[in-house]
Protein backbone atom coordinates (compact mmCIF):
# COMPACT_ATOMS: atom_id res chain seq x y z
CA MET A 1 11.91 -3.16 -16.28
CA ASN A 2 10.78 -0.55 -13.74
CA ARG A 3 8.91 -2.40 -10.96
CA VAL A 4 8.72 -1.73 -7.22
CA GLU A 5 7.11 -3.73 -4.39
CA LEU A 6 7.22 -2.27 -0.88
CA VAL A 7 5.72 -2.99 2.55
CA GLY A 8 5.93 -0.32 5.21
CA ARG A 9 4.11 2.05 7.56
CA LEU A 10 2.85 5.51 6.73
CA THR A 11 4.98 8.22 8.32
CA ARG A 12 2.12 10.76 8.27
CA ASP A 13 -1.47 11.01 7.07
CA PRO A 14 -1.81 10.93 3.26
CA GLU A 15 -2.26 14.32 1.59
CA ALA A 16 -4.99 14.39 -1.07
CA ARG A 17 -5.42 17.18 -3.61
CA THR A 18 -7.56 17.63 -6.66
CA SER A 19 -5.97 18.58 -9.99
CA ALA A 20 -7.38 21.27 -12.27
CA GLY A 21 -8.95 18.45 -14.32
CA GLY A 22 -10.73 17.03 -11.26
CA MET A 23 -8.47 14.01 -10.64
CA THR A 24 -7.53 13.19 -7.05
CA ILE A 25 -3.79 12.97 -6.36
CA THR A 26 -2.66 11.57 -3.03
CA ARG A 27 0.91 11.78 -1.76
CA PHE A 28 2.26 9.79 1.17
CA THR A 29 5.52 8.44 2.55
CA ILE A 30 6.08 4.93 3.85
CA ALA A 31 8.91 3.78 6.10
CA VAL A 32 10.33 0.49 4.82
CA ASP A 33 12.67 -1.48 7.09
CA ARG A 34 15.99 -2.45 5.55
CA PRO A 35 17.01 -6.11 5.74
CA GLN A 36 19.33 -6.67 8.68
CA ARG A 37 22.83 -8.03 8.29
CA GLN A 38 24.00 -10.99 10.32
CA ASP A 39 25.91 -8.77 12.76
CA GLN A 40 22.76 -6.69 13.36
CA ALA A 41 20.48 -9.62 14.15
CA ASN A 42 19.80 -8.35 17.68
CA GLY A 43 17.68 -5.53 16.17
CA GLN A 44 19.47 -2.64 17.82
CA ASN A 45 20.68 -1.07 14.59
CA SER A 46 17.61 -1.49 12.40
CA GLN A 47 17.26 1.15 9.71
CA ALA A 48 14.43 2.25 7.46
CA ASP A 49 14.14 4.01 4.13
CA PHE A 50 11.47 6.67 3.70
CA ILE A 51 9.88 6.26 0.28
CA SER A 52 7.71 8.97 -1.31
CA CYS A 53 4.64 7.60 -3.10
CA VAL A 54 1.94 9.12 -5.27
CA SER A 55 -1.43 7.68 -6.28
CA PHE A 56 -4.09 8.92 -8.71
CA GLY A 57 -7.86 8.71 -9.23
CA ARG A 58 -10.18 6.45 -7.27
CA GLN A 59 -7.29 4.61 -5.67
CA ALA A 60 -5.94 7.95 -4.39
CA GLU A 61 -9.34 8.79 -2.90
CA THR A 62 -9.49 5.43 -1.11
CA ILE A 63 -5.98 5.76 0.31
CA ALA A 64 -6.73 9.27 1.59
CA LYS A 65 -10.01 8.12 3.14
CA TYR A 66 -8.92 4.90 4.87
CA MET A 67 -5.19 5.23 5.60
CA ALA A 68 -3.52 7.20 8.40
CA LYS A 69 -0.14 7.66 10.04
CA GLY A 70 1.20 4.39 11.45
CA ARG A 71 -0.96 2.09 9.28
CA GLN A 72 0.86 -0.64 7.39
CA MET A 73 0.41 -1.06 3.66
CA ALA A 74 1.92 -2.76 0.64
CA VAL A 75 2.37 -0.91 -2.64
CA GLU A 76 3.32 -1.99 -6.13
CA GLY A 77 4.26 0.44 -8.83
CA ARG A 78 7.10 2.07 -10.70
CA ILE A 79 9.77 4.64 -9.92
CA GLN A 80 9.37 8.01 -11.58
CA THR A 81 11.85 10.87 -11.41
CA GLY A 82 11.22 14.53 -12.07
CA SER A 83 12.38 18.04 -11.34
CA TYR A 84 11.00 21.49 -10.69
CA ASP A 85 12.28 25.01 -10.04
CA GLY A 86 11.59 26.03 -6.45
CA GLN A 87 10.68 29.48 -5.16
CA ASP A 88 14.29 29.84 -4.11
CA GLY A 89 15.37 29.61 -7.78
CA GLN A 90 17.05 26.24 -7.24
CA ARG A 91 16.38 23.14 -9.31
CA HIS A 92 14.87 20.36 -7.13
CA TYR A 93 14.86 16.71 -8.16
CA THR A 94 12.20 14.22 -7.10
CA THR A 95 11.92 10.43 -6.99
CA ASP A 96 8.50 8.91 -6.33
CA VAL A 97 6.88 5.51 -6.53
CA VAL A 98 3.79 5.83 -8.74
CA VAL A 99 1.38 3.41 -7.09
CA GLU A 100 -0.39 1.01 -9.42
CA ARG A 101 -1.68 -1.31 -6.69
CA ALA A 102 -2.03 -0.83 -2.94
CA GLU A 103 -3.05 -3.17 -0.15
CA PHE A 104 -4.00 -2.21 3.38
CA ILE A 105 -2.40 -4.60 5.85
CA GLY A 106 -3.78 -5.01 9.35
CA GLY A 107 -4.59 -2.12 11.62
CA ARG A 108 -2.61 0.69 13.15
CA GLY A 109 0.28 -0.83 15.07
CA ASP A 110 -1.38 -4.22 15.51
CA SER A 111 -0.71 -7.67 14.09
CA SER A 112 -4.18 -8.12 12.61
CA GLN A 113 -4.30 -10.14 9.43
CA SER A 114 -7.10 -8.16 7.80
CA SER A 115 -6.25 -6.53 4.50
CA TYR A 116 -7.87 -4.74 1.59
CA SER A 117 -6.41 -4.62 -1.89
CA MET A 118 -6.92 -2.12 -4.66
CA ASP A 119 -5.59 -1.64 -8.17
CA SER A 120 -5.45 1.61 -10.07
CA THR A 121 -8.00 0.27 -12.55
CA PRO A 122 -11.43 1.95 -12.61
CA SER A 123 -13.31 -1.25 -11.70
CA VAL A 124 -11.94 -1.35 -8.15
CA GLU A 125 -14.40 -1.73 -5.28
CA GLU A 126 -13.82 1.22 -2.93
CA ASN A 127 -15.50 -0.20 0.17
CA PRO A 128 -12.96 -2.21 2.19
CA THR A 129 -15.61 -4.26 3.96
CA THR A 130 -16.22 -7.69 2.55
CA SER A 131 -19.78 -8.82 2.05
CA VAL A 132 -20.79 -12.37 2.91
CA ASP A 133 -22.58 -12.49 -0.46
CA ASN A 134 -19.20 -12.25 -2.20
CA ASP A 135 -17.87 -15.34 -0.42
CA PRO A 136 -17.02 -17.91 -3.13
CA PHE A 137 -17.20 -20.75 -0.59
CA LYS A 138 -20.63 -19.97 0.88
CA ASP A 139 -22.39 -22.70 -1.16
CA PHE A 140 -20.25 -25.45 0.37
CA GLY A 141 -21.64 -25.04 3.87
CA ASP A 142 -20.16 -26.64 6.96
CA GLU A 143 -20.68 -30.25 5.90
CA VAL A 144 -17.42 -30.38 3.93
CA SER A 145 -14.65 -32.15 5.80
CA LEU A 146 -11.34 -33.45 4.57
CA SER A 147 -9.14 -36.18 5.91
CA ASP A 148 -5.47 -36.67 5.18
CA ASP A 149 -6.44 -39.27 2.56
CA ASP A 150 -8.34 -36.61 0.58
CA LEU A 151 -5.33 -34.33 0.17
CA PRO A 152 -3.29 -34.69 -3.06
CA PHE A 153 0.09 -34.23 -1.35
């Protein structure tokens, strides 16, 4: 199984390019904090890994449009390795996370709880604003109230 789930902050603005076939390809790097050991609990020696990610299609367009350096996001995907011959004649090896799902978390450097989720499927809504008309609870109104006796646990 090749599955990756990461939460981190963008280290720079995403770079979007268009392939010869017209598909958008967006590359970005996220800094993911490593779990701290017991002896590092004071936070002075925290470390991060810098993970290269790549996204394709409509999802790539959305990431390039709405994300920027410092913004926090969650990504799900798979690891893909590759290689290419550089201009210097050397063989270079790459490791990227191919993003299948991305979620915007909060705002730049704040603790806001707002988020926007997107999959790499073509039916994804690209506008991160939520319409009141899409609220599944709007028909219940304000008259619903629960007491502790109404809860099943």
